[in-house]
Structures are given as structure tokens and as C-alpha cells.
Amino acid sequence: MKIVIIGNGISGITTARYIRKQSDHEILVISSESEHFFSRTALMYIYMGHMKYEHTKPYEDWFWKKNKIELKNAFVDQIDFDAKSLRTTIGEHVSYDKLVIATGSKTNKFGWKGQDLKGVQGLYSKQDVELMEENTDGIKEAVIIGGGLIGIEMAEMLNSRGIKVNFLIREKEYWNNVLPKEEALLVGRHIAEHHINLITETELEEILADENGRVKSIITKAGKEIKCQFVGLTAGVSPNIDFLKNTPLKTDRGVLVNEVLETNLPDIYALGDCAQFTNPKEKHPPIEQLWYTGRMQAKALAKTICGTPTKYDRGIWFNSAKFLDIEYQTYGLMFKEPFDDEETFYWEYANGKISFRANFSKEDGALRGFNFFGIRFKQVVADDWIRNKVNISKCMNDLNKGFFDPEFYKNYHRAIINSFNQEFPQHLVKVPKKKFLVF
């Protein structure tokens, strides 16, 4: 059986690897972005000079041949689902028995005037970083449109080269459509400390060109002009499925799939950023654009393709990111506001760069989720407590079991518990004894 996978990101490559672990099927991975799989989250560090492209490849180039996974660097522009055949832009035809669509995301554009000028771009692919290298050579000022994780990554990249950054977001605080107000304000202050000009409640109206067709400034909806030589479009991403529109394959925002990642067509599957669940779990997004969920989906799909139909189950929600110098981890369904049946506890250290939040059930005190900023916490511990509905008092008492910051790193356990006891005396937690280092 010949299995063709379109896309060599974490979803496509993990699918290929786990099919190979379970079978001798012929596997072909097609990608127009790069010949070999690389870590997409490391792209920013190539631009910043901390890594080279070869450092982002988790596997040596010989790995693929040794494991009988064929790679093709090509762009698929058409699929004949009846004939089970793909066509590339150079006219090649590739047959398949089973097809996996793992084409990832593309940068959102909203029809802004000037959005296709030279010096205007998004940030998602290896080619985007290469273009950004060219577009920012010798420039002094940039504008970023849209917050979120890609926006803050691009701001850090530009800031590392001494380029003045104007960071436009339409929200009142940074990423406050996701983060609670306190955490959004914390990150906003940190952005300002890095001399990045965060401009809130502001939207783009138009991008203006100079006499050479390159961006020279932007105009906001309030009529303000901001001069710049580069514009980063980071107002989110969407599934990269344009070539699948108007075909027998059912799509919405993404390729529609069921719980075992099957599409409406036989022998066709989709996963990762480009897949949209027809019946997502309650309170969960239909499209999951995360590295680790793509990997989990791939493991389940490989079993299904190899003859053991397996439902994808992400389990307890988890995500991590970095806002400049502040690390962020979230566990459970932690939205900007707690649910009606939840209590929320928030603690912030005096320096304004470290914080902790816990949401728990009003009825029985069962832990629902955590937010950590500037504190590292073990996923296995948080997952176990949320999954088993451990009482908040026990969780607070045992927080040290999850901390894994470096040796001699300040421990905030006592301060967190003292604050929690003042706010929630009904869940009183015994304050741990202070420990001293002995030399």
C-alpha cells in the first residue's frame, strides 16, 4: 500500500514515522517548504542568529532513507480523488492508495489596501524567515499588525536587531481575548520594558507605498500615519487549503474530519493546523493549531491507517510559549474569564514579571486549571491533578511537587499560599516551613 502525505511539518512527519514503526507500507512525504523536516518554533532563532537552519532539523538527513520514507520537494496544486492521483505545479502525477493532508496554516490577510507591497509579509514558513531577512536589511522602523504569539515572536526578532517596533493591536490589552486581564497587563508591561511600542485599540486602514513600490508607512483607522519600512502581518493564521476548495472534499475553515481524522472521502485523512473537527469536544476549538496536538493526532492517525481505528483524544489542554523573557504555561481550559461555576485565584510577585493563577470548582474545590508566568511547572503533575479533580487545598499544599526551575531559583510557594489563605480561608492551606540551604 502506498501512503502519500502532503506536508512535512510535525503532523505529517509524525504520521510517517509512526506508520513506519507499525508497517512496511510505502511512504512518500511531499512538501514545497523544505526537503527535510525542521522545528518550526525555532525559525525565529535563525533570524536572531542563535541557530542555523541545520540546527533546527531533529533528524540527520540519512534518517529518511534508512527508515524507507521517501521525500519529495514539490508543490501539489490539484488532486484527482477518483483516480487517486496528485498533480504538482511542474506537471508530475503521483498516485496513492491512502492520502494524508497535513498542509498546515497560512498568514491571514483581510484585504487591506497595500497588503501585497514589498516589505509587507507574515511569519509562518521557512520562506517567510528568508524573506524577512531580505525585507528588514538596513531598515530602522517596523510596524506589526496583530498580537498573539506570532506577533510577539516577530517583535522580539526585530527588536534583537535594534529595529524600532510599533506593535498595533485592536484589543485594550495584549492578547486579552485569551489571557485574563492581570496576565495581559503583565505581558504588556514587559513589552514596554523592551522598548517595543505597544499601541492598543488601534486597527490598520491602509499600507502606503513609496515611489519604488515598497512600504513607506501605514495609516490607522483613526487616521494616524506611522512611518516604517517593514510591516508584519500577524493577525492570526488559517488552514492552508485553498487548493482543496470546490472539490468533492468537504471543507469549512479547514478540512472537515471526524474523531478518527477521516474526511468525507474514502482513504483521505487530514490532521494538524489544516483539519477541522466536525464535532469538537465541548468548549474546545474545532481547529487545534498547536505543535503537541498535531503530534498526538498523528500518532492516532498512524494506528488508524495501519488497521486499528483510533480516536484522537488530546486529554487535558496544555500550551506553553515565551513572551520575550517571560515563560508561559497553561493547563486546563483557562480562558479570559472563569466559568460561572469556578473560583479563580491570582497571585503576582512584586517585580510584576512572575504570576500564578488557579481556577477551581465552587462546589467541591476540584482543580480546573493553572496559568504560570515566569515559573516552570511539570505537565505530568498538572495533568494528573486536573484529570483526577484533586482538591485545590491539596494542590496548593503540594505545588512544590511540580516546580522545576533551576537550582537556587527563588521559590514562591510560601508567598502564594499566604495570599491564597487570605483570599480563600475556607480552603485554608498549611504554610510550609522555610527551608535553608546548608553548605
Protein backbone atom coordinates (compact mmCIF):
# COMPACT_ATOMS: atom_id res chain seq x y z
CA MET A 1 0.00 0.00 0.00
CA LYS A 2 1.28 3.46 -0.93
CA ILE A 3 0.63 6.26 1.54
CA VAL A 4 1.22 9.85 0.40
CA ILE A 5 1.44 12.67 2.96
CA ILE A 6 1.20 16.30 1.83
CA GLY A 7 3.14 18.41 4.32
CA ASN A 8 6.31 17.72 6.29
CA GLY A 9 5.53 19.60 9.49
CA ILE A 10 5.16 17.93 12.87
CA SER A 11 1.80 16.36 11.93
CA GLY A 12 2.85 14.91 8.59
CA ILE A 13 6.26 13.66 9.69
CA THR A 14 4.99 12.11 12.93
CA THR A 15 2.33 10.29 10.91
CA ALA A 16 5.04 8.95 8.58
CA ARG A 17 7.30 7.88 11.44
CA TYR A 18 4.57 6.03 13.32
CA ILE A 19 3.24 4.31 10.19
CA ARG A 20 6.77 3.08 9.60
CA LYS A 21 7.00 1.79 13.20
CA GLN A 22 3.88 -0.32 12.57
CA SER A 23 4.17 -1.38 8.92
CA ASP A 24 6.21 -1.78 5.75
CA HIS A 25 3.85 0.39 3.67
CA GLU A 26 5.39 2.62 1.02
CA ILE A 27 5.50 6.19 2.38
CA LEU A 28 6.02 9.39 0.39
CA VAL A 29 6.07 12.83 2.04
CA ILE A 30 5.64 15.84 -0.26
CA SER A 31 6.47 19.40 0.82
CA SER A 32 7.09 22.63 -1.06
CA GLU A 33 8.53 24.37 2.01
CA SER A 34 11.65 22.29 2.59
CA GLU A 35 13.13 18.94 1.73
CA HIS A 36 13.64 17.90 5.34
CA PHE A 37 11.54 18.27 8.47
CA PHE A 38 12.60 21.05 10.82
CA SER A 39 11.37 22.64 14.04
CA ARG A 40 9.04 25.48 13.07
CA THR A 41 9.19 27.01 16.54
CA ALA A 42 12.95 27.51 16.09
CA LEU A 43 12.62 29.69 12.97
CA MET A 44 12.83 32.91 14.98
CA TYR A 45 16.20 31.88 16.38
CA ILE A 46 17.67 31.53 12.88
CA TYR A 47 16.81 35.18 12.23
CA MET A 48 18.15 36.22 15.62
CA GLY A 49 21.46 34.47 14.96
CA HIS A 50 21.20 31.91 17.76
CA MET A 51 20.83 28.93 15.39
CA LYS A 52 21.46 27.88 11.80
CA TYR A 53 18.89 26.06 9.70
CA GLU A 54 20.73 22.74 10.05
CA HIS A 55 20.43 23.05 13.84
CA THR A 56 16.62 23.00 13.57
CA LYS A 57 16.46 19.54 11.97
CA PRO A 58 15.79 16.89 14.67
CA TYR A 59 16.94 14.07 12.38
CA GLU A 60 20.06 13.59 10.27
CA ASP A 61 19.43 13.63 6.52
CA TRP A 62 20.24 9.92 6.27
CA PHE A 63 17.39 9.09 8.69
CA TRP A 64 14.73 9.17 5.98
CA LYS A 65 16.39 6.76 3.58
CA LYS A 66 17.29 4.40 6.40
CA ASN A 67 13.64 4.31 7.50
CA LYS A 68 12.32 3.99 3.95
CA ILE A 69 10.46 7.28 4.00
CA GLU A 70 10.71 8.95 0.60
CA LEU A 71 10.79 12.75 0.47
CA LYS A 72 9.75 14.94 -2.46
CA ASN A 73 10.24 18.71 -2.59
CA ALA A 74 7.25 19.82 -4.69
CA PHE A 75 4.02 21.82 -4.60
CA VAL A 76 0.74 19.96 -5.04
CA ASP A 77 -1.87 22.08 -6.80
CA GLN A 78 -4.52 19.52 -7.74
CA ILE A 79 -5.93 16.20 -6.52
CA ASP A 80 -7.97 13.77 -8.61
CA PHE A 81 -9.81 11.92 -5.87
CA ASP A 82 -11.47 9.45 -8.26
CA ALA A 83 -8.19 8.44 -9.90
CA LYS A 84 -6.28 8.65 -6.59
CA SER A 85 -3.66 10.89 -8.14
CA LEU A 86 -1.92 14.17 -7.27
CA ARG A 87 -0.54 16.74 -9.69
CA THR A 88 2.38 19.05 -8.87
CA THR A 89 2.95 22.50 -10.34
CA ILE A 90 5.60 21.12 -12.72
CA GLY A 91 3.16 18.57 -14.14
CA GLU A 92 4.20 15.46 -12.23
CA HIS A 93 1.50 12.94 -11.36
CA VAL A 94 1.76 10.92 -8.14
CA SER A 95 -0.56 8.03 -7.34
CA TYR A 96 -1.64 6.96 -3.86
CA ASP A 97 -3.70 4.35 -2.05
CA LYS A 98 -4.24 6.49 1.03
CA LEU A 99 -3.71 10.23 1.27
CA VAL A 100 -2.93 12.33 4.34
CA ILE A 101 -3.42 16.11 4.13
CA ALA A 102 -1.18 17.97 6.59
CA THR A 103 -0.69 21.28 4.81
CA GLY A 104 -0.57 23.49 7.91
CA SER A 105 -1.50 27.16 8.03
CA LYS A 106 -1.10 30.38 6.09
CA THR A 107 -0.98 34.01 7.20
CA ASN A 108 -4.32 35.80 7.44
CA LYS A 109 -4.87 38.75 5.14
CA PHE A 110 -8.03 40.81 5.36
CA GLY A 111 -7.97 42.74 2.10
CA TRP A 112 -6.04 45.74 3.43
CA LYS A 113 -5.01 48.15 0.70
CA GLY A 114 -1.26 47.70 0.21
CA GLN A 115 -1.04 44.29 1.90
CA ASP A 116 0.96 42.86 -1.03
CA LEU A 117 3.57 45.62 -1.23
CA LYS A 118 7.28 44.82 -0.98
CA GLY A 119 8.26 44.84 2.68
CA VAL A 120 4.87 43.51 3.85
CA GLN A 121 4.65 39.88 4.96
CA GLY A 122 3.54 37.32 7.51
CA LEU A 123 5.57 34.84 9.55
CA TYR A 124 4.89 31.11 9.33
CA SER A 125 7.19 29.29 6.92
CA LYS A 126 10.90 28.89 6.32
CA GLN A 127 10.45 31.06 3.23
CA ASP A 128 8.86 33.78 5.39
CA VAL A 129 12.00 33.97 7.54
CA GLU A 130 14.20 34.12 4.45
CA LEU A 131 12.00 36.90 3.05
CA MET A 132 12.09 38.72 6.37
CA GLU A 133 15.88 38.64 6.25
CA GLU A 134 15.72 40.40 2.89
CA ASN A 135 12.88 42.78 3.78
CA THR A 136 14.46 44.05 7.01
CA ASP A 137 18.02 44.52 5.76
CA GLY A 138 19.11 48.01 6.77
CA ILE A 139 15.69 49.22 7.93
CA LYS A 140 15.14 51.35 11.03
CA GLU A 141 11.42 51.11 11.84
CA ALA A 142 8.74 48.45 11.55
CA VAL A 143 5.04 48.02 12.25
CA ILE A 144 3.45 44.77 13.38
CA ILE A 145 -0.29 44.32 12.85
CA GLY A 146 -1.97 41.96 15.32
CA GLY A 147 -0.99 40.48 18.67
CA GLY A 148 -0.87 36.88 19.75
CA LEU A 149 2.10 34.55 19.75
CA ILE A 150 3.33 35.18 16.21
CA GLY A 151 3.21 38.94 16.76
CA ILE A 152 5.33 38.81 19.90
CA GLU A 153 7.83 36.47 18.20
CA MET A 154 8.23 38.89 15.30
CA ALA A 155 8.56 41.83 17.70
CA GLU A 156 11.37 40.02 19.54
CA MET A 157 13.10 39.16 16.25
CA LEU A 158 13.06 42.76 15.03
CA ASN A 159 13.98 44.12 18.46
CA SER A 160 17.06 41.87 18.54
CA ARG A 161 18.44 43.84 15.57
CA GLY A 162 17.77 47.25 17.05
CA ILE A 163 14.82 47.96 14.77
CA LYS A 164 12.17 50.20 16.32
CA VAL A 165 8.92 48.26 16.58
CA ASN A 166 5.40 49.72 16.62
CA PHE A 167 3.11 46.90 17.70
CA LEU A 168 -0.56 47.55 16.81
CA ILE A 169 -3.33 45.56 18.46
CA ARG A 170 -7.06 46.20 18.40
CA GLU A 171 -7.59 44.96 21.98
CA LYS A 172 -7.35 47.11 25.10
CA GLU A 173 -4.56 44.90 26.49
CA TYR A 174 -2.19 42.49 24.79
CA TRP A 175 -3.87 39.18 23.85
CA ASN A 176 -6.76 39.86 26.24
CA ASN A 177 -9.09 37.79 24.08
CA VAL A 178 -7.17 34.82 25.54
CA LEU A 179 -5.44 35.99 28.72
CA PRO A 180 -7.18 37.25 31.87
CA LYS A 181 -6.70 40.98 32.40
CA GLU A 182 -3.97 40.66 35.02
CA GLU A 183 -1.80 38.43 32.83
CA ALA A 184 -2.45 40.59 29.76
CA LEU A 185 -1.30 43.68 31.66
CA LEU A 186 1.78 41.81 32.94
CA VAL A 187 2.87 40.93 29.40
CA GLY A 188 2.06 44.44 28.17
CA ARG A 189 4.36 45.98 30.78
CA HIS A 190 7.11 43.56 29.81
CA ILE A 191 6.74 44.51 26.15
CA ALA A 192 7.16 48.18 27.08
CA GLU A 193 10.27 47.38 29.14
CA HIS A 194 11.87 46.08 25.95
CA HIS A 195 11.20 49.44 24.26
CA ILE A 196 8.62 47.96 21.94
CA ASN A 197 5.86 50.49 21.28
CA LEU A 198 2.63 48.63 22.02
CA ILE A 199 -0.26 50.65 20.55
CA THR A 200 -3.59 49.35 21.83
CA GLU A 201 -7.14 49.74 20.49
CA THR A 202 -5.76 50.53 17.05
CA GLU A 203 -6.53 48.94 13.67
CA LEU A 204 -4.92 49.12 10.26
CA GLU A 205 -6.68 51.03 7.50
CA GLU A 206 -4.11 51.14 4.69
CA ILE A 207 -0.44 50.49 3.85
CA LEU A 208 1.20 53.20 1.75
CA ALA A 209 3.94 52.72 -0.86
CA ASP A 210 6.92 54.84 -1.86
CA GLU A 211 7.89 55.59 -5.45
CA ASN A 212 9.56 52.16 -5.75
CA GLY A 213 6.52 50.16 -4.63
CA ARG A 214 7.91 49.48 -1.18
CA VAL A 215 6.07 50.18 2.06
CA LYS A 216 6.78 53.63 3.49
CA SER A 217 4.09 53.95 6.18
CA ILE A 218 0.74 52.76 7.43
CA ILE A 219 -2.50 54.61 8.14
CA THR A 220 -4.62 53.59 11.12
CA LYS A 221 -8.41 53.68 11.14
CA ALA A 222 -8.12 56.76 13.33
CA GLY A 223 -6.22 58.48 10.51
CA LYS A 224 -2.76 58.42 12.11
CA GLU A 225 0.23 57.81 9.85
CA ILE A 226 3.17 55.76 11.16
CA LYS A 227 6.33 55.69 9.07
CA CYS A 228 8.03 52.32 8.56
CA GLN A 229 10.00 50.27 6.07
CA PHE A 230 8.50 46.91 7.05
CA VAL A 231 5.03 45.67 8.00
CA GLY A 232 4.49 42.32 9.71
CA LEU A 233 1.01 40.83 9.29
CA THR A 234 0.43 38.70 12.38
CA ALA A 235 -3.34 38.83 12.81
CA GLY A 236 -3.54 35.06 13.09
CA VAL A 237 -3.31 32.19 10.64
CA SER A 238 -5.86 29.99 8.87
CA PRO A 239 -5.80 26.48 7.35
CA ASN A 240 -3.76 26.25 4.15
CA ILE A 241 -6.38 24.54 1.99
CA ASP A 242 -7.12 26.91 -0.90
CA PHE A 243 -6.25 24.23 -3.48
CA LEU A 244 -8.92 21.97 -1.97
CA LYS A 245 -11.82 24.39 -2.35
CA ASN A 246 -14.51 23.49 -4.90
CA THR A 247 -13.56 19.81 -4.82
CA PRO A 248 -15.54 16.79 -3.54
CA LEU A 249 -13.61 17.05 -0.28
CA LYS A 250 -15.76 18.76 2.36
CA THR A 251 -14.18 21.87 3.86
CA ASP A 252 -15.19 24.79 6.04
CA ARG A 253 -12.40 26.85 7.56
CA GLY A 254 -10.38 23.63 7.45
CA VAL A 255 -10.73 20.13 6.01
CA LEU A 256 -13.64 18.55 7.88
CA VAL A 257 -12.72 15.38 9.79
CA ASN A 258 -14.33 13.04 12.30
CA GLU A 259 -12.84 11.80 15.58
CA VAL A 260 -10.52 9.35 13.79
CA LEU A 261 -9.38 12.09 11.36
CA GLU A 262 -11.25 10.68 8.36
CA THR A 263 -12.69 13.07 5.77
CA ASN A 264 -15.90 12.54 3.81
CA LEU A 265 -13.95 10.70 1.10
CA PRO A 266 -12.63 7.14 1.48
CA ASP A 267 -8.88 6.77 2.14
CA ILE A 268 -8.43 10.54 2.64
CA TYR A 269 -7.38 11.90 6.03
CA ALA A 270 -6.43 15.32 7.40
CA LEU A 271 -4.77 16.50 10.60
CA GLY A 272 -2.88 19.32 12.25
CA ASP A 273 -3.44 23.01 11.54
CA CYS A 274 -5.46 22.34 8.39
CA ALA A 275 -8.01 19.96 9.95
CA GLN A 276 -11.35 20.99 11.46
CA PHE A 277 -13.31 18.61 13.68
CA THR A 278 -16.98 18.28 12.77
CA ASN A 279 -17.92 17.52 16.38
CA PRO A 280 -15.31 19.07 18.69
CA LYS A 281 -15.43 18.41 22.41
CA GLU A 282 -17.46 20.91 24.43
CA LYS A 283 -15.61 24.20 24.97
CA HIS A 284 -12.77 23.03 22.72
CA PRO A 285 -11.81 24.68 19.41
CA PRO A 286 -12.68 22.84 16.17
CA ILE A 287 -9.20 23.66 14.79
CA GLU A 288 -6.20 22.93 17.01
CA GLN A 289 -3.14 24.84 15.82
CA LEU A 290 -0.61 23.56 18.34
CA TRP A 291 2.62 21.59 17.94
CA TYR A 292 1.84 18.94 20.50
CA THR A 293 -1.76 18.36 19.36
CA GLY A 294 -0.52 17.83 15.81
CA ARG A 295 1.86 15.21 17.14
CA MET A 296 -0.87 13.48 19.15
CA GLN A 297 -3.24 13.47 16.19
CA ALA A 298 -0.50 11.89 14.07
CA LYS A 299 0.05 9.02 16.50
CA ALA A 300 -3.67 8.23 16.48
CA LEU A 301 -3.94 8.51 12.71
CA ALA A 302 -0.98 6.18 12.12
CA LYS A 303 -2.80 3.46 14.09
CA THR A 304 -5.97 4.01 12.07
CA ILE A 305 -4.15 3.83 8.74
CA CYS A 306 -2.36 0.67 9.87
CA GLY A 307 -5.64 -1.10 10.60
CA THR A 308 -6.55 -0.15 14.17
CA PRO A 309 -9.15 2.68 14.09
CA THR A 310 -8.16 5.03 16.91
CA LYS A 311 -10.00 8.10 18.15
CA TYR A 312 -7.91 11.20 18.76
CA ASP A 313 -8.08 12.28 22.39
CA ARG A 314 -5.97 15.26 23.32
CA GLY A 315 -6.71 14.95 27.02
CA ILE A 316 -6.09 17.92 29.32
CA TRP A 317 -5.42 21.15 27.42
CA PHE A 318 -1.85 22.36 27.60
CA ASN A 319 0.19 25.08 25.93
CA SER A 320 3.44 26.92 26.50
CA ALA A 321 5.05 29.98 24.97
CA LYS A 322 7.56 32.72 25.64
CA PHE A 323 6.81 36.42 25.83
CA LEU A 324 10.28 37.90 25.37
CA ASP A 325 11.97 36.92 28.68
CA ILE A 326 8.85 35.52 30.40
CA GLU A 327 7.94 31.85 30.02
CA TYR A 328 4.25 30.95 29.99
CA GLN A 329 2.49 27.66 30.68
CA THR A 330 -1.23 26.96 30.83
CA TYR A 331 -3.05 23.78 31.84
CA GLY A 332 -6.77 23.07 31.58
CA LEU A 333 -9.38 25.34 29.99
CA MET A 334 -8.11 28.71 31.20
CA PHE A 335 -9.93 31.48 29.36
CA LYS A 336 -10.00 35.24 29.89
CA GLU A 337 -12.85 34.78 32.39
CA PRO A 338 -13.52 31.77 34.65
CA PHE A 339 -16.66 29.76 34.04
CA ASP A 340 -19.71 30.60 36.18
CA ASP A 341 -19.15 27.57 38.40
CA GLU A 342 -15.47 28.39 39.03
CA GLU A 343 -13.46 30.40 41.53
CA THR A 344 -10.22 31.99 40.38
CA PHE A 345 -7.13 32.83 42.44
CA TYR A 346 -4.40 35.11 41.11
CA TRP A 347 -1.02 35.92 42.66
CA GLU A 348 1.68 38.19 41.25
CA TYR A 349 5.20 38.78 42.52
CA ALA A 350 6.24 42.33 43.36
CA ASN A 351 8.50 42.66 40.30
CA GLY A 352 5.47 42.28 38.03
CA LYS A 353 7.07 39.54 35.90
CA ILE A 354 6.04 36.38 37.75
CA SER A 355 2.48 35.22 38.37
CA PHE A 356 0.31 32.24 39.19
CA ARG A 357 -3.39 31.56 38.64
CA ALA A 358 -5.56 28.61 39.64
CA ASN A 359 -9.20 28.03 38.71
CA PHE A 360 -11.25 25.54 40.72
CA SER A 361 -14.81 24.37 41.22
CA LYS A 362 -17.02 26.41 43.52
CA GLU A 363 -18.91 23.30 44.54
CA ASP A 364 -16.17 20.88 45.59
CA GLY A 365 -12.87 22.75 45.14
CA ALA A 366 -11.68 20.47 42.32
CA LEU A 367 -8.81 21.97 40.35
CA ARG A 368 -9.78 23.07 36.81
CA GLY A 369 -6.58 24.71 35.55
CA PHE A 370 -3.37 26.70 36.05
CA ASN A 371 -1.61 29.67 34.44
CA PHE A 372 2.09 30.15 35.17
CA PHE A 373 4.18 33.16 34.11
CA GLY A 374 7.88 33.07 34.94
CA ILE A 375 7.52 29.78 36.86
CA ARG A 376 8.19 26.37 35.33
CA PHE A 377 5.75 23.62 36.29
CA LYS A 378 5.69 19.93 35.32
CA GLN A 379 2.97 18.99 32.86
CA VAL A 380 2.59 15.49 34.30
CA VAL A 381 1.72 16.92 37.73
CA ALA A 382 -0.81 19.47 36.45
CA ASP A 383 -2.38 16.90 34.12
CA ASP A 384 -2.80 14.39 36.95
CA TRP A 385 -4.37 16.91 39.34
CA ILE A 386 -6.84 18.29 36.78
CA ARG A 387 -7.76 14.88 35.40
CA ASN A 388 -8.39 13.47 38.89
CA LYS A 389 -10.16 16.60 40.18
CA VAL A 390 -7.78 17.00 43.10
CA ASN A 391 -8.97 19.49 45.73
CA ILE A 392 -7.44 22.95 45.45
CA SER A 393 -6.17 22.84 49.06
CA LYS A 394 -4.10 19.74 48.37
CA CYS A 395 -2.84 21.18 45.08
CA MET A 396 -1.72 24.38 46.79
CA ASN A 397 -0.05 22.42 49.56
CA ASP A 398 1.83 20.24 47.04
CA LEU A 399 2.82 22.90 44.49
CA ASN A 400 6.49 22.16 45.15
CA LYS A 401 5.99 18.75 43.51
CA GLY A 402 5.53 20.49 40.17
CA PHE A 403 8.16 23.23 40.29
CA PHE A 404 11.25 22.54 38.19
CA ASP A 405 13.03 25.87 37.96
CA PRO A 406 16.85 25.77 38.10
CA GLU A 407 18.76 25.18 41.34
CA PHE A 408 18.91 28.22 43.64
CA TYR A 409 15.95 29.76 41.80
CA LYS A 410 13.65 31.65 44.14
CA ASN A 411 10.76 29.53 45.43
CA TYR A 412 7.43 31.39 45.66
CA HIS A 413 5.42 28.64 47.36
CA ARG A 414 5.08 30.32 50.76
CA ALA A 415 4.08 33.67 49.25
CA ILE A 416 1.47 32.03 47.01
CA ILE A 417 -0.06 30.09 49.92
CA ASN A 418 -0.13 33.12 52.22
CA SER A 419 -2.01 35.10 49.57
CA PHE A 420 -4.36 32.19 48.85
CA ASN A 421 -5.23 31.73 52.55
CA GLN A 422 -6.13 35.40 52.87
CA GLU A 423 -8.47 35.24 49.88
CA PHE A 424 -9.92 31.76 50.46
CA PRO A 425 -9.82 30.98 54.20
CA GLN A 426 -12.41 28.25 53.65
CA HIS A 427 -9.71 26.32 51.77
CA LEU A 428 -7.00 27.03 54.33
CA VAL A 429 -3.61 25.58 53.39
CA LYS A 430 -0.82 24.94 55.88
CA VAL A 431 2.14 27.22 55.14
CA PRO A 432 5.28 25.11 54.54
CA LYS A 433 8.26 25.63 56.78
CA LYS A 434 11.02 27.75 55.36
CA LYS A 435 13.95 25.73 54.08
CA PHE A 436 17.54 26.88 54.34
CA LEU A 437 20.49 25.89 52.19
CA VAL A 438 23.35 24.19 54.05
CA PHE A 439 26.89 24.47 52.71
